[in-house]
Amino acid sequence: MQALVVTVETFRSFGVLDLTPFANLEPWTSRVKEAVGRDRYSKAMDEGIKKLSGMFKESLAKAK
């Protein structure tokens, strides 16, 4: 399950995939956040995702 959460959050952060057709994702990630604890979830996800997203967007801009 952890890999799936990371994948969803990565797609959301990168903005390369429209997740709106997947209406169940938001309620599911909310349940995961509650189960893990919002502080632990944020620490685990936000720091790494922001860094990775920045690197990805920078590489994408250079490739264009």
N, C-alpha and C. Protein backbone atom coordinates (compact mmCIF):
# COMPACT_ATOMS: atom_id res chain seq x y z
N MET A 1 0.82 -1.18 0.00
CA MET A 1 0.00 0.00 0.00
C MET A 1 0.87 1.25 0.00
N GLN A 2 2.01 1.21 0.65
CA GLN A 2 2.86 2.40 0.72
C GLN A 2 3.30 2.84 -0.67
N ALA A 3 3.65 1.90 -1.51
CA ALA A 3 4.10 2.26 -2.86
C ALA A 3 2.98 2.91 -3.65
N LEU A 4 1.76 2.46 -3.45
CA LEU A 4 0.63 3.04 -4.15
C LEU A 4 0.37 4.48 -3.69
N VAL A 5 0.47 4.71 -2.39
CA VAL A 5 0.29 6.06 -1.86
C VAL A 5 1.36 6.99 -2.42
N VAL A 6 2.59 6.54 -2.44
CA VAL A 6 3.69 7.35 -2.97
C VAL A 6 3.45 7.65 -4.44
N THR A 7 3.00 6.67 -5.19
CA THR A 7 2.75 6.86 -6.62
C THR A 7 1.65 7.89 -6.84
N VAL A 8 0.56 7.78 -6.12
CA VAL A 8 -0.54 8.74 -6.26
C VAL A 8 -0.08 10.15 -5.90
N GLU A 9 0.61 10.30 -4.81
CA GLU A 9 1.08 11.62 -4.39
C GLU A 9 2.11 12.18 -5.36
N THR A 10 2.92 11.33 -5.94
CA THR A 10 3.90 11.77 -6.93
C THR A 10 3.20 12.28 -8.18
N PHE A 11 2.23 11.53 -8.68
CA PHE A 11 1.47 11.98 -9.85
C PHE A 11 0.78 13.31 -9.56
N ARG A 12 0.20 13.41 -8.38
CA ARG A 12 -0.50 14.65 -8.00
C ARG A 12 0.49 15.82 -7.97
N SER A 13 1.63 15.61 -7.39
CA SER A 13 2.64 16.66 -7.26
C SER A 13 3.22 17.09 -8.60
N PHE A 14 3.50 16.13 -9.45
CA PHE A 14 4.11 16.43 -10.74
C PHE A 14 3.13 17.11 -11.68
N GLY A 15 1.86 16.83 -11.50
CA GLY A 15 0.85 17.42 -12.36
C GLY A 15 0.88 16.90 -13.79
N VAL A 16 1.41 15.71 -13.98
CA VAL A 16 1.52 15.15 -15.33
C VAL A 16 0.35 14.24 -15.68
N LEU A 17 -0.50 13.98 -14.73
CA LEU A 17 -1.62 13.08 -14.95
C LEU A 17 -2.85 13.68 -14.30
N ASP A 18 -3.93 13.75 -15.05
CA ASP A 18 -5.19 14.26 -14.52
C ASP A 18 -5.84 13.17 -13.67
N LEU A 19 -5.91 13.42 -12.38
CA LEU A 19 -6.47 12.42 -11.47
C LEU A 19 -7.95 12.63 -11.20
N THR A 20 -8.56 13.66 -11.78
CA THR A 20 -9.97 13.95 -11.50
C THR A 20 -10.93 12.82 -11.90
N PRO A 21 -10.63 12.03 -12.93
CA PRO A 21 -11.54 10.92 -13.23
C PRO A 21 -11.57 9.84 -12.13
N PHE A 22 -10.60 9.87 -11.26
CA PHE A 22 -10.49 8.85 -10.22
C PHE A 22 -11.03 9.42 -8.90
N ALA A 23 -12.34 9.50 -8.83
CA ALA A 23 -13.01 10.16 -7.70
C ALA A 23 -12.71 9.51 -6.35
N ASN A 24 -12.36 8.25 -6.33
CA ASN A 24 -12.11 7.56 -5.06
C ASN A 24 -10.72 7.82 -4.49
N LEU A 25 -9.83 8.42 -5.26
CA LEU A 25 -8.46 8.64 -4.78
C LEU A 25 -8.41 9.58 -3.58
N GLU A 26 -9.12 10.68 -3.66
CA GLU A 26 -9.06 11.66 -2.57
C GLU A 26 -9.59 11.09 -1.25
N PRO A 27 -10.76 10.44 -1.25
CA PRO A 27 -11.21 9.83 0.01
C PRO A 27 -10.26 8.75 0.52
N TRP A 28 -9.67 8.00 -0.40
CA TRP A 28 -8.74 6.94 -0.01
C TRP A 28 -7.49 7.53 0.63
N THR A 29 -6.91 8.57 0.00
CA THR A 29 -5.71 9.16 0.59
C THR A 29 -6.02 9.82 1.93
N SER A 30 -7.21 10.35 2.07
CA SER A 30 -7.61 10.92 3.36
C SER A 30 -7.68 9.84 4.44
N ARG A 31 -8.20 8.68 4.08
CA ARG A 31 -8.25 7.57 5.05
C ARG A 31 -6.85 7.09 5.41
N VAL A 32 -5.96 7.05 4.43
CA VAL A 32 -4.58 6.65 4.70
C VAL A 32 -3.93 7.66 5.64
N LYS A 33 -4.14 8.95 5.38
CA LYS A 33 -3.57 9.99 6.25
C LYS A 33 -4.05 9.82 7.68
N GLU A 34 -5.32 9.54 7.84
CA GLU A 34 -5.88 9.36 9.18
C GLU A 34 -5.29 8.12 9.85
N ALA A 35 -5.15 7.04 9.09
CA ALA A 35 -4.63 5.79 9.65
C ALA A 35 -3.17 5.94 10.07
N VAL A 36 -2.40 6.63 9.27
CA VAL A 36 -0.97 6.80 9.55
C VAL A 36 -0.74 7.91 10.56
N GLY A 37 -1.58 8.89 10.52
CA GLY A 37 -1.40 10.09 11.32
C GLY A 37 -0.95 11.21 10.41
N ARG A 38 -1.67 12.30 10.40
CA ARG A 38 -1.39 13.38 9.45
C ARG A 38 0.03 13.92 9.56
N ASP A 39 0.56 14.04 10.77
CA ASP A 39 1.93 14.56 10.93
C ASP A 39 2.96 13.62 10.32
N ARG A 40 2.82 12.33 10.61
CA ARG A 40 3.76 11.35 10.06
C ARG A 40 3.63 11.27 8.55
N TYR A 41 2.39 11.32 8.06
CA TYR A 41 2.15 11.26 6.62
C TYR A 41 2.79 12.46 5.93
N SER A 42 2.56 13.64 6.48
CA SER A 42 3.11 14.86 5.88
C SER A 42 4.63 14.83 5.87
N LYS A 43 5.21 14.42 6.97
CA LYS A 43 6.67 14.36 7.04
C LYS A 43 7.22 13.39 6.01
N ALA A 44 6.60 12.24 5.89
CA ALA A 44 7.08 11.21 4.97
C ALA A 44 6.86 11.60 3.52
N MET A 45 5.74 12.24 3.23
CA MET A 45 5.39 12.50 1.84
C MET A 45 5.82 13.88 1.35
N ASP A 46 5.52 14.90 2.10
CA ASP A 46 5.70 16.26 1.60
C ASP A 46 7.15 16.62 1.30
N GLU A 47 8.05 16.32 2.21
CA GLU A 47 9.44 16.70 2.02
C GLU A 47 10.05 16.06 0.78
N GLY A 48 9.91 14.78 0.66
CA GLY A 48 10.49 14.06 -0.47
C GLY A 48 9.80 14.38 -1.79
N ILE A 49 8.48 14.47 -1.75
CA ILE A 49 7.73 14.74 -2.98
C ILE A 49 8.07 16.13 -3.51
N LYS A 50 8.15 17.11 -2.65
CA LYS A 50 8.48 18.47 -3.09
C LYS A 50 9.85 18.50 -3.76
N LYS A 51 10.81 17.85 -3.16
CA LYS A 51 12.16 17.81 -3.70
C LYS A 51 12.18 17.09 -5.05
N LEU A 52 11.55 15.94 -5.11
CA LEU A 52 11.51 15.15 -6.33
C LEU A 52 10.75 15.88 -7.43
N SER A 53 9.65 16.51 -7.07
CA SER A 53 8.85 17.25 -8.04
C SER A 53 9.66 18.39 -8.63
N GLY A 54 10.39 19.12 -7.80
CA GLY A 54 11.21 20.21 -8.29
C GLY A 54 12.27 19.72 -9.27
N MET A 55 12.89 18.61 -8.94
CA MET A 55 13.91 18.05 -9.82
C MET A 55 13.30 17.62 -11.15
N PHE A 56 12.14 17.00 -11.10
CA PHE A 56 11.46 16.53 -12.31
C PHE A 56 11.08 17.71 -13.20
N LYS A 57 10.47 18.73 -12.61
CA LYS A 57 10.03 19.88 -13.39
C LYS A 57 11.22 20.62 -14.00
N GLU A 58 12.32 20.70 -13.26
CA GLU A 58 13.52 21.33 -13.78
C GLU A 58 14.08 20.55 -14.96
N SER A 59 14.12 19.24 -14.85
CA SER A 59 14.61 18.40 -15.95
C SER A 59 13.71 18.50 -17.16
N LEU A 60 12.41 18.54 -16.92
CA LEU A 60 11.44 18.65 -18.02
C LEU A 60 11.60 19.98 -18.75
N ALA A 61 11.82 21.05 -17.99
CA ALA A 61 12.01 22.37 -18.61
C ALA A 61 13.29 22.39 -19.45
N LYS A 62 14.34 21.75 -18.99
CA LYS A 62 15.60 21.71 -19.75
C LYS A 62 15.46 20.90 -21.03
N ALA A 63 14.60 19.87 -20.99
CA ALA A 63 14.42 19.00 -22.15
C ALA A 63 13.62 19.67 -23.27
N LYS A 64 12.88 20.69 -22.94
CA LYS A 64 12.04 21.34 -23.97
C LYS A 64 12.81 22.25 -24.84
